[in-house]
Amino acid sequence: MPQLNPSPWFLILILSWFVFLIVFTPKIYKIHPIVKSNSALIITPEIYHLFFPWNWIWPWY
């Protein structure tokens, strides 16, 4: 039977990816011609899947 509660390592992995996004997403937005914008930082599905190829984290993407 699969474990229902997420393990601490899984949570650490998710938090580390969010830190990675916060640090590197502005750099990608500067060099990415399609999503270059001066509005609020919005992670498009393209950028989202670049960092999060796992559809089971947020299934609606």
N, C-alpha and C. Protein backbone atom coordinates (compact mmCIF):
# COMPACT_ATOMS: atom_id res chain seq x y z
N MET A 1 0.86 -1.19 0.00
CA MET A 1 0.00 0.00 0.00
C MET A 1 0.90 1.24 0.00
N PRO A 2 0.61 2.18 -0.90
CA PRO A 2 1.47 3.37 -0.98
C PRO A 2 1.33 4.25 0.24
N GLN A 3 2.39 4.94 0.54
CA GLN A 3 2.38 5.84 1.68
C GLN A 3 1.58 7.09 1.34
N LEU A 4 0.63 7.44 2.20
CA LEU A 4 -0.23 8.58 1.91
C LEU A 4 0.44 9.90 2.26
N ASN A 5 1.15 9.93 3.37
CA ASN A 5 1.82 11.17 3.76
C ASN A 5 3.10 11.33 2.96
N PRO A 6 3.35 12.52 2.42
CA PRO A 6 4.60 12.72 1.68
C PRO A 6 5.80 12.66 2.60
N SER A 7 6.86 12.07 2.13
CA SER A 7 8.05 11.94 2.95
C SER A 7 8.74 13.30 3.08
N PRO A 8 9.55 13.47 4.11
CA PRO A 8 10.27 14.75 4.25
C PRO A 8 11.18 15.04 3.07
N TRP A 9 11.77 14.01 2.47
CA TRP A 9 12.65 14.23 1.32
C TRP A 9 11.86 14.77 0.14
N PHE A 10 10.62 14.30 -0.03
CA PHE A 10 9.78 14.82 -1.11
C PHE A 10 9.50 16.30 -0.90
N LEU A 11 9.19 16.69 0.33
CA LEU A 11 8.92 18.10 0.61
C LEU A 11 10.18 18.94 0.42
N ILE A 12 11.33 18.39 0.82
CA ILE A 12 12.58 19.12 0.61
C ILE A 12 12.85 19.30 -0.87
N LEU A 13 12.54 18.28 -1.67
CA LEU A 13 12.72 18.39 -3.11
C LEU A 13 11.85 19.48 -3.71
N ILE A 14 10.58 19.52 -3.30
CA ILE A 14 9.67 20.55 -3.81
C ILE A 14 10.15 21.94 -3.40
N LEU A 15 10.54 22.09 -2.14
CA LEU A 15 11.01 23.40 -1.68
C LEU A 15 12.28 23.82 -2.42
N SER A 16 13.15 22.86 -2.68
CA SER A 16 14.38 23.21 -3.40
C SER A 16 14.06 23.64 -4.83
N TRP A 17 13.05 23.02 -5.46
CA TRP A 17 12.67 23.44 -6.81
C TRP A 17 12.07 24.84 -6.80
N PHE A 18 11.29 25.16 -5.75
CA PHE A 18 10.74 26.52 -5.67
C PHE A 18 11.85 27.55 -5.49
N VAL A 19 12.85 27.22 -4.68
CA VAL A 19 13.99 28.13 -4.53
C VAL A 19 14.71 28.29 -5.86
N PHE A 20 14.86 27.19 -6.59
CA PHE A 20 15.49 27.24 -7.90
C PHE A 20 14.70 28.13 -8.84
N LEU A 21 13.37 28.00 -8.81
CA LEU A 21 12.53 28.84 -9.67
C LEU A 21 12.66 30.31 -9.32
N ILE A 22 12.63 30.62 -8.02
CA ILE A 22 12.70 32.01 -7.60
C ILE A 22 14.03 32.63 -8.03
N VAL A 23 15.09 31.83 -8.01
CA VAL A 23 16.41 32.36 -8.35
C VAL A 23 16.59 32.48 -9.86
N PHE A 24 16.16 31.46 -10.61
CA PHE A 24 16.53 31.39 -12.02
C PHE A 24 15.43 31.82 -12.98
N THR A 25 14.17 31.90 -12.54
CA THR A 25 13.11 32.28 -13.47
C THR A 25 13.29 33.70 -14.02
N PRO A 26 13.68 34.70 -13.22
CA PRO A 26 13.92 36.03 -13.82
C PRO A 26 14.99 36.01 -14.90
N LYS A 27 16.04 35.20 -14.73
CA LYS A 27 17.07 35.10 -15.77
C LYS A 27 16.49 34.51 -17.04
N ILE A 28 15.64 33.48 -16.89
CA ILE A 28 15.04 32.87 -18.08
C ILE A 28 14.10 33.86 -18.76
N TYR A 29 13.37 34.63 -17.95
CA TYR A 29 12.47 35.61 -18.56
C TYR A 29 13.25 36.67 -19.33
N LYS A 30 14.46 36.99 -18.90
CA LYS A 30 15.24 37.99 -19.62
C LYS A 30 15.72 37.47 -20.97
N ILE A 31 16.02 36.17 -21.06
CA ILE A 31 16.56 35.62 -22.31
C ILE A 31 15.49 34.91 -23.13
N HIS A 32 14.30 34.75 -22.60
CA HIS A 32 13.25 34.04 -23.32
C HIS A 32 12.40 35.05 -24.08
N PRO A 33 12.43 35.07 -25.41
CA PRO A 33 11.75 36.14 -26.16
C PRO A 33 10.24 36.06 -26.10
N ILE A 34 9.68 34.86 -25.89
CA ILE A 34 8.21 34.72 -25.95
C ILE A 34 7.58 35.25 -24.67
N VAL A 35 8.18 34.95 -23.53
CA VAL A 35 7.58 35.32 -22.26
C VAL A 35 8.22 36.57 -21.67
N LYS A 36 9.00 37.30 -22.47
CA LYS A 36 9.62 38.53 -21.96
C LYS A 36 8.52 39.56 -21.71
N SER A 37 8.42 40.03 -20.50
CA SER A 37 7.33 40.93 -20.15
C SER A 37 7.73 41.75 -18.94
N ASN A 38 7.15 42.95 -18.82
CA ASN A 38 7.43 43.79 -17.66
C ASN A 38 6.31 43.71 -16.63
N SER A 39 5.35 42.81 -16.85
CA SER A 39 4.25 42.66 -15.90
C SER A 39 4.67 41.73 -14.77
N ALA A 40 3.71 41.30 -13.97
CA ALA A 40 4.00 40.41 -12.86
C ALA A 40 4.55 39.08 -13.38
N LEU A 41 5.35 38.43 -12.55
CA LEU A 41 6.00 37.20 -12.96
C LEU A 41 4.97 36.07 -13.02
N ILE A 42 4.69 35.62 -14.23
CA ILE A 42 3.72 34.55 -14.42
C ILE A 42 4.45 33.38 -15.07
N ILE A 43 4.40 32.23 -14.42
CA ILE A 43 5.06 31.06 -14.98
C ILE A 43 4.12 30.40 -15.98
N THR A 44 4.45 30.51 -17.24
CA THR A 44 3.63 29.92 -18.28
C THR A 44 3.80 28.40 -18.27
N PRO A 45 2.87 27.67 -18.86
CA PRO A 45 3.02 26.20 -18.89
C PRO A 45 4.33 25.75 -19.54
N GLU A 46 4.81 26.51 -20.51
CA GLU A 46 6.08 26.14 -21.14
C GLU A 46 7.22 26.20 -20.13
N ILE A 47 7.32 27.31 -19.41
CA ILE A 47 8.35 27.44 -18.39
C ILE A 47 8.09 26.46 -17.25
N TYR A 48 6.81 26.28 -16.92
CA TYR A 48 6.44 25.35 -15.85
C TYR A 48 6.94 23.95 -16.15
N HIS A 49 6.70 23.48 -17.37
CA HIS A 49 7.11 22.12 -17.70
C HIS A 49 8.61 22.01 -17.88
N LEU A 50 9.26 23.14 -18.13
CA LEU A 50 10.72 23.11 -18.19
C LEU A 50 11.31 22.74 -16.83
N PHE A 51 10.67 23.20 -15.75
CA PHE A 51 11.16 22.91 -14.42
C PHE A 51 10.43 21.75 -13.77
N PHE A 52 9.14 21.60 -14.06
CA PHE A 52 8.34 20.57 -13.41
C PHE A 52 7.76 19.63 -14.47
N PRO A 53 8.51 18.61 -14.88
CA PRO A 53 7.96 17.68 -15.86
C PRO A 53 7.00 16.67 -15.24
N TRP A 54 6.72 16.79 -13.93
CA TRP A 54 5.88 15.81 -13.27
C TRP A 54 4.45 16.32 -13.21
N ASN A 55 3.57 15.72 -13.98
CA ASN A 55 2.17 16.17 -14.01
C ASN A 55 1.42 15.82 -12.74
N TRP A 56 1.98 14.96 -11.91
CA TRP A 56 1.25 14.55 -10.72
C TRP A 56 1.43 15.51 -9.56
N ILE A 57 2.28 16.52 -9.71
CA ILE A 57 2.38 17.52 -8.64
C ILE A 57 1.16 18.44 -8.70
N TRP A 58 0.92 19.05 -9.88
CA TRP A 58 -0.30 19.80 -10.10
C TRP A 58 -0.98 19.23 -11.35
N PRO A 59 -1.95 18.35 -11.18
CA PRO A 59 -2.52 17.64 -12.36
C PRO A 59 -3.20 18.58 -13.35
N TRP A 60 -3.62 19.77 -12.92
CA TRP A 60 -4.37 20.62 -13.86
C TRP A 60 -3.46 21.28 -14.88
N TYR A 61 -2.15 21.16 -14.74
CA TYR A 61 -1.25 21.64 -15.78
C TYR A 61 -1.01 20.51 -16.76
